[in-house]
Amino acid sequence: AATITVTLANEFAEADNDVYLSALFYLALVLFVMSFITLAIAKFFLLKAERKYSR
């Protein structure tokens, strides 16, 4: 089972047509959005915990 990151790294050099390249860019965008959401949620929980335990 390959991850999105591995797929991007392995397939980018072999992208020979526009549809294939567009699909890889879409995968990169999905990966970016997933990472952004994960980091935002983690930051939210860290700030919440910091407020709770700093009193």
PDB file of N, CA and C in Angstrom:
ATOM      1  N   ALA A   1       0.854  -1.189   0.000  1.00  0.00           N
ATOM      2  CA  ALA A   1       0.000   0.000   0.000  1.00  0.00           C
ATOM      3  C   ALA A   1       0.892   1.242   0.000  1.00  0.00           C
ATOM      4  N   ALA A   2       0.823   1.985  -1.072  1.00  0.00           N
ATOM      5  CA  ALA A   2       1.644   3.186  -1.214  1.00  0.00           C
ATOM      6  C   ALA A   2       0.896   4.400  -0.669  1.00  0.00           C
ATOM      7  N   THR A   3       1.645   5.276  -0.038  1.00  0.00           N
ATOM      8  CA  THR A   3       1.046   6.508   0.462  1.00  0.00           C
ATOM      9  C   THR A   3       0.994   7.544  -0.661  1.00  0.00           C
ATOM     10  N   ILE A   4       0.299   8.632  -0.408  1.00  0.00           N
ATOM     11  CA  ILE A   4       0.211   9.700  -1.414  1.00  0.00           C
ATOM     12  C   ILE A   4       1.602  10.262  -1.695  1.00  0.00           C
ATOM     13  N   THR A   5       2.399  10.425  -0.654  1.00  0.00           N
ATOM     14  CA  THR A   5       3.745  10.982  -0.821  1.00  0.00           C
ATOM     15  C   THR A   5       4.614  10.087  -1.698  1.00  0.00           C
ATOM     16  N   VAL A   6       4.562   8.794  -1.456  1.00  0.00           N
ATOM     17  CA  VAL A   6       5.346   7.845  -2.254  1.00  0.00           C
ATOM     18  C   VAL A   6       4.873   7.843  -3.703  1.00  0.00           C
ATOM     19  N   THR A   7       3.572   7.886  -3.891  1.00  0.00           N
ATOM     20  CA  THR A   7       3.024   7.915  -5.248  1.00  0.00           C
ATOM     21  C   THR A   7       3.499   9.148  -5.997  1.00  0.00           C
ATOM     22  N   LEU A   8       3.455  10.301  -5.342  1.00  0.00           N
ATOM     23  CA  LEU A   8       3.923  11.533  -5.987  1.00  0.00           C
ATOM     24  C   LEU A   8       5.398  11.436  -6.353  1.00  0.00           C
ATOM     25  N   ALA A   9       6.206  10.963  -5.423  1.00  0.00           N
ATOM     26  CA  ALA A   9       7.647  10.881  -5.667  1.00  0.00           C
ATOM     27  C   ALA A   9       7.976   9.916  -6.806  1.00  0.00           C
ATOM     28  N   ASN A  10       7.303   8.793  -6.846  1.00  0.00           N
ATOM     29  CA  ASN A  10       7.610   7.776  -7.859  1.00  0.00           C
ATOM     30  C   ASN A  10       7.055   8.099  -9.237  1.00  0.00           C
ATOM     31  N   GLU A  11       5.916   8.732  -9.303  1.00  0.00           N
ATOM     32  CA  GLU A  11       5.222   8.902 -10.572  1.00  0.00           C
ATOM     33  C   GLU A  11       5.484  10.234 -11.271  1.00  0.00           C
ATOM     34  N   PHE A  12       6.012  11.225 -10.553  1.00  0.00           N
ATOM     35  CA  PHE A  12       6.140  12.551 -11.153  1.00  0.00           C
ATOM     36  C   PHE A  12       7.053  12.553 -12.374  1.00  0.00           C
ATOM     37  N   ALA A  13       8.139  11.812 -12.321  1.00  0.00           N
ATOM     38  CA  ALA A  13       9.074  11.781 -13.449  1.00  0.00           C
ATOM     39  C   ALA A  13       8.479  11.058 -14.661  1.00  0.00           C
ATOM     40  N   GLU A  14       7.498  10.189 -14.414  1.00  0.00           N
ATOM     41  CA  GLU A  14       6.913   9.406 -15.497  1.00  0.00           C
ATOM     42  C   GLU A  14       5.653  10.034 -16.080  1.00  0.00           C
ATOM     43  N   ALA A  15       5.242  11.177 -15.576  1.00  0.00           N
ATOM     44  CA  ALA A  15       4.017  11.826 -16.066  1.00  0.00           C
ATOM     45  C   ALA A  15       4.265  12.333 -17.482  1.00  0.00           C
ATOM     46  N   ASP A  16       3.650  11.664 -18.453  1.00  0.00           N
ATOM     47  CA  ASP A  16       3.933  11.993 -19.845  1.00  0.00           C
ATOM     48  C   ASP A  16       2.805  12.738 -20.552  1.00  0.00           C
ATOM     49  N   ASN A  17       1.636  12.846 -19.925  1.00  0.00           N
ATOM     50  CA  ASN A  17       0.577  13.630 -20.558  1.00  0.00           C
ATOM     51  C   ASN A  17      -0.073  14.560 -19.532  1.00  0.00           C
ATOM     52  N   ASP A  18      -0.869  15.477 -20.029  1.00  0.00           N
ATOM     53  CA  ASP A  18      -1.432  16.515 -19.163  1.00  0.00           C
ATOM     54  C   ASP A  18      -2.399  15.967 -18.123  1.00  0.00           C
ATOM     55  N   VAL A  19      -3.173  14.958 -18.484  1.00  0.00           N
ATOM     56  CA  VAL A  19      -4.140  14.397 -17.533  1.00  0.00           C
ATOM     57  C   VAL A  19      -3.414  13.726 -16.369  1.00  0.00           C
ATOM     58  N   TYR A  20      -2.367  12.993 -16.687  1.00  0.00           N
ATOM     59  CA  TYR A  20      -1.574  12.313 -15.662  1.00  0.00           C
ATOM     60  C   TYR A  20      -0.930  13.339 -14.732  1.00  0.00           C
ATOM     61  N   LEU A  21      -0.351  14.368 -15.310  1.00  0.00           N
ATOM     62  CA  LEU A  21       0.285  15.418 -14.518  1.00  0.00           C
ATOM     63  C   LEU A  21      -0.744  16.152 -13.663  1.00  0.00           C
ATOM     64  N   SER A  22      -1.909  16.415 -14.218  1.00  0.00           N
ATOM     65  CA  SER A  22      -2.975  17.074 -13.462  1.00  0.00           C
ATOM     66  C   SER A  22      -3.427  16.216 -12.289  1.00  0.00           C
ATOM     67  N   ALA A  23      -3.516  14.916 -12.493  1.00  0.00           N
ATOM     68  CA  ALA A  23      -3.908  14.013 -11.410  1.00  0.00           C
ATOM     69  C   ALA A  23      -2.877  14.027 -10.287  1.00  0.00           C
ATOM     70  N   LEU A  24      -1.606  14.097 -10.648  1.00  0.00           N
ATOM     71  CA  LEU A  24      -0.563  14.156  -9.623  1.00  0.00           C
ATOM     72  C   LEU A  24      -0.603  15.482  -8.866  1.00  0.00           C
ATOM     73  N   PHE A  25      -0.870  16.571  -9.573  1.00  0.00           N
ATOM     74  CA  PHE A  25      -1.010  17.858  -8.894  1.00  0.00           C
ATOM     75  C   PHE A  25      -2.220  17.855  -7.962  1.00  0.00           C
ATOM     76  N   TYR A  26      -3.290  17.193  -8.386  1.00  0.00           N
ATOM     77  CA  TYR A  26      -4.471  17.072  -7.532  1.00  0.00           C
ATOM     78  C   TYR A  26      -4.133  16.274  -6.274  1.00  0.00           C
ATOM     79  N   LEU A  27      -3.382  15.192  -6.420  1.00  0.00           N
ATOM     80  CA  LEU A  27      -2.938  14.425  -5.258  1.00  0.00           C
ATOM     81  C   LEU A  27      -2.092  15.279  -4.323  1.00  0.00           C
ATOM     82  N   ALA A  28      -1.221  16.101  -4.893  1.00  0.00           N
ATOM     83  CA  ALA A  28      -0.401  16.990  -4.068  1.00  0.00           C
ATOM     84  C   ALA A  28      -1.275  17.984  -3.309  1.00  0.00           C
ATOM     85  N   LEU A  29      -2.300  18.494  -3.958  1.00  0.00           N
ATOM     86  CA  LEU A  29      -3.221  19.418  -3.296  1.00  0.00           C
ATOM     87  C   LEU A  29      -3.977  18.720  -2.168  1.00  0.00           C
ATOM     88  N   VAL A  30      -4.424  17.500  -2.411  1.00  0.00           N
ATOM     89  CA  VAL A  30      -5.111  16.728  -1.370  1.00  0.00           C
ATOM     90  C   VAL A  30      -4.186  16.502  -0.182  1.00  0.00           C
ATOM     91  N   LEU A  31      -2.948  16.151  -0.444  1.00  0.00           N
ATOM     92  CA  LEU A  31      -1.969  15.945   0.623  1.00  0.00           C
ATOM     93  C   LEU A  31      -1.747  17.228   1.412  1.00  0.00           C
ATOM     94  N   PHE A  32      -1.642  18.355   0.720  1.00  0.00           N
ATOM     95  CA  PHE A  32      -1.452  19.640   1.387  1.00  0.00           C
ATOM     96  C   PHE A  32      -2.634  19.966   2.288  1.00  0.00           C
ATOM     97  N   VAL A  33      -3.848  19.786   1.782  1.00  0.00           N
ATOM     98  CA  VAL A  33      -5.053  20.093   2.569  1.00  0.00           C
ATOM     99  C   VAL A  33      -5.145  19.174   3.786  1.00  0.00           C
ATOM    100  N   MET A  34      -4.858  17.891   3.597  1.00  0.00           N
ATOM    101  CA  MET A  34      -4.888  16.958   4.728  1.00  0.00           C
ATOM    102  C   MET A  34      -3.865  17.353   5.787  1.00  0.00           C
ATOM    103  N   SER A  35      -2.675  17.734   5.362  1.00  0.00           N
ATOM    104  CA  SER A  35      -1.634  18.153   6.301  1.00  0.00           C
ATOM    105  C   SER A  35      -2.035  19.425   7.030  1.00  0.00           C
ATOM    106  N   PHE A  36      -2.591  20.377   6.294  1.00  0.00           N
ATOM    107  CA  PHE A  36      -3.006  21.643   6.894  1.00  0.00           C
ATOM    108  C   PHE A  36      -4.083  21.416   7.952  1.00  0.00           C
ATOM    109  N   ILE A  37      -5.076  20.598   7.633  1.00  0.00           N
ATOM    110  CA  ILE A  37      -6.162  20.326   8.581  1.00  0.00           C
ATOM    111  C   ILE A  37      -5.629  19.602   9.815  1.00  0.00           C
ATOM    112  N   THR A  38      -4.761  18.623   9.612  1.00  0.00           N
ATOM    113  CA  THR A  38      -4.183  17.889  10.738  1.00  0.00           C
ATOM    114  C   THR A  38      -3.398  18.817  11.653  1.00  0.00           C
ATOM    115  N   LEU A  39      -2.577  19.679  11.073  1.00  0.00           N
ATOM    116  CA  LEU A  39      -1.795  20.614  11.886  1.00  0.00           C
ATOM    117  C   LEU A  39      -2.677  21.638  12.583  1.00  0.00           C
ATOM    118  N   ALA A  40      -3.736  22.096  11.928  1.00  0.00           N
ATOM    119  CA  ALA A  40      -4.649  23.055  12.549  1.00  0.00           C
ATOM    120  C   ALA A  40      -5.367  22.431  13.740  1.00  0.00           C
ATOM    121  N   ILE A  41      -5.807  21.190  13.600  1.00  0.00           N
ATOM    122  CA  ILE A  41      -6.468  20.501  14.711  1.00  0.00           C
ATOM    123  C   ILE A  41      -5.495  20.291  15.865  1.00  0.00           C
ATOM    124  N   ALA A  42      -4.270  19.886  15.559  1.00  0.00           N
ATOM    125  CA  ALA A  42      -3.269  19.691  16.607  1.00  0.00           C
ATOM    126  C   ALA A  42      -2.984  20.997  17.336  1.00  0.00           C
ATOM    127  N   LYS A  43      -2.858  22.079  16.589  1.00  0.00           N
ATOM    128  CA  LYS A  43      -2.610  23.387  17.206  1.00  0.00           C
ATOM    129  C   LYS A  43      -3.779  23.784  18.105  1.00  0.00           C
ATOM    130  N   PHE A  44      -5.004  23.530  17.650  1.00  0.00           N
ATOM    131  CA  PHE A  44      -6.190  23.843  18.449  1.00  0.00           C
ATOM    132  C   PHE A  44      -6.149  23.094  19.781  1.00  0.00           C
ATOM    133  N   PHE A  45      -5.857  21.793  19.743  1.00  0.00           N
ATOM    134  CA  PHE A  45      -5.817  21.013  20.972  1.00  0.00           C
ATOM    135  C   PHE A  45      -4.667  21.436  21.881  1.00  0.00           C
ATOM    136  N   LEU A  46      -3.528  21.789  21.303  1.00  0.00           N
ATOM    137  CA  LEU A  46      -2.412  22.258  22.124  1.00  0.00           C
ATOM    138  C   LEU A  46      -2.740  23.576  22.813  1.00  0.00           C
ATOM    139  N   LEU A  47      -3.360  24.495  22.096  1.00  0.00           N
ATOM    140  CA  LEU A  47      -3.744  25.765  22.712  1.00  0.00           C
ATOM    141  C   LEU A  47      -4.792  25.552  23.796  1.00  0.00           C
ATOM    142  N   LYS A  48      -5.724  24.651  23.550  1.00  0.00           N
ATOM    143  CA  LYS A  48      -6.758  24.340  24.532  1.00  0.00           C
ATOM    144  C   LYS A  48      -6.133  23.742  25.796  1.00  0.00           C
ATOM    145  N   ALA A  49      -5.197  22.818  25.631  1.00  0.00           N
ATOM    146  CA  ALA A  49      -4.522  22.202  26.775  1.00  0.00           C
ATOM    147  C   ALA A  49      -3.663  23.221  27.511  1.00  0.00           C
ATOM    148  N   GLU A  50      -3.023  24.105  26.771  1.00  0.00           N
ATOM    149  CA  GLU A  50      -2.186  25.133  27.395  1.00  0.00           C
ATOM    150  C   GLU A  50      -3.022  26.051  28.276  1.00  0.00           C
ATOM    151  N   ARG A  51      -4.191  26.449  27.789  1.00  0.00           N
ATOM    152  CA  ARG A  51      -5.080  27.300  28.584  1.00  0.00           C
ATOM    153  C   ARG A  51      -5.578  26.572  29.824  1.00  0.00           C
ATOM    154  N   LYS A  52      -5.863  25.296  29.684  1.00  0.00           N
ATOM    155  CA  LYS A  52      -6.414  24.519  30.794  1.00  0.00           C
ATOM    156  C   LYS A  52      -5.393  24.331  31.909  1.00  0.00           C
ATOM    157  N   TYR A  53      -4.140  24.058  31.557  1.00  0.00           N
ATOM    158  CA  TYR A  53      -3.131  23.730  32.555  1.00  0.00           C
ATOM    159  C   TYR A  53      -2.256  24.908  32.960  1.00  0.00           C
ATOM    160  N   SER A  54      -2.456  26.071  32.380  1.00  0.00           N
ATOM    161  CA  SER A  54      -1.609  27.215  32.729  1.00  0.00           C
ATOM    162  C   SER A  54      -2.173  28.019  33.892  1.00  0.00           C
ATOM    163  N   ARG A  55      -3.337  27.664  34.359  1.00  0.00           N
ATOM    164  CA  ARG A  55      -3.956  28.410  35.472  1.00  0.00           C
ATOM    165  C   ARG A  55      -3.448  27.984  36.806  1.00  0.00           C
TER     166      ARG A  55
END
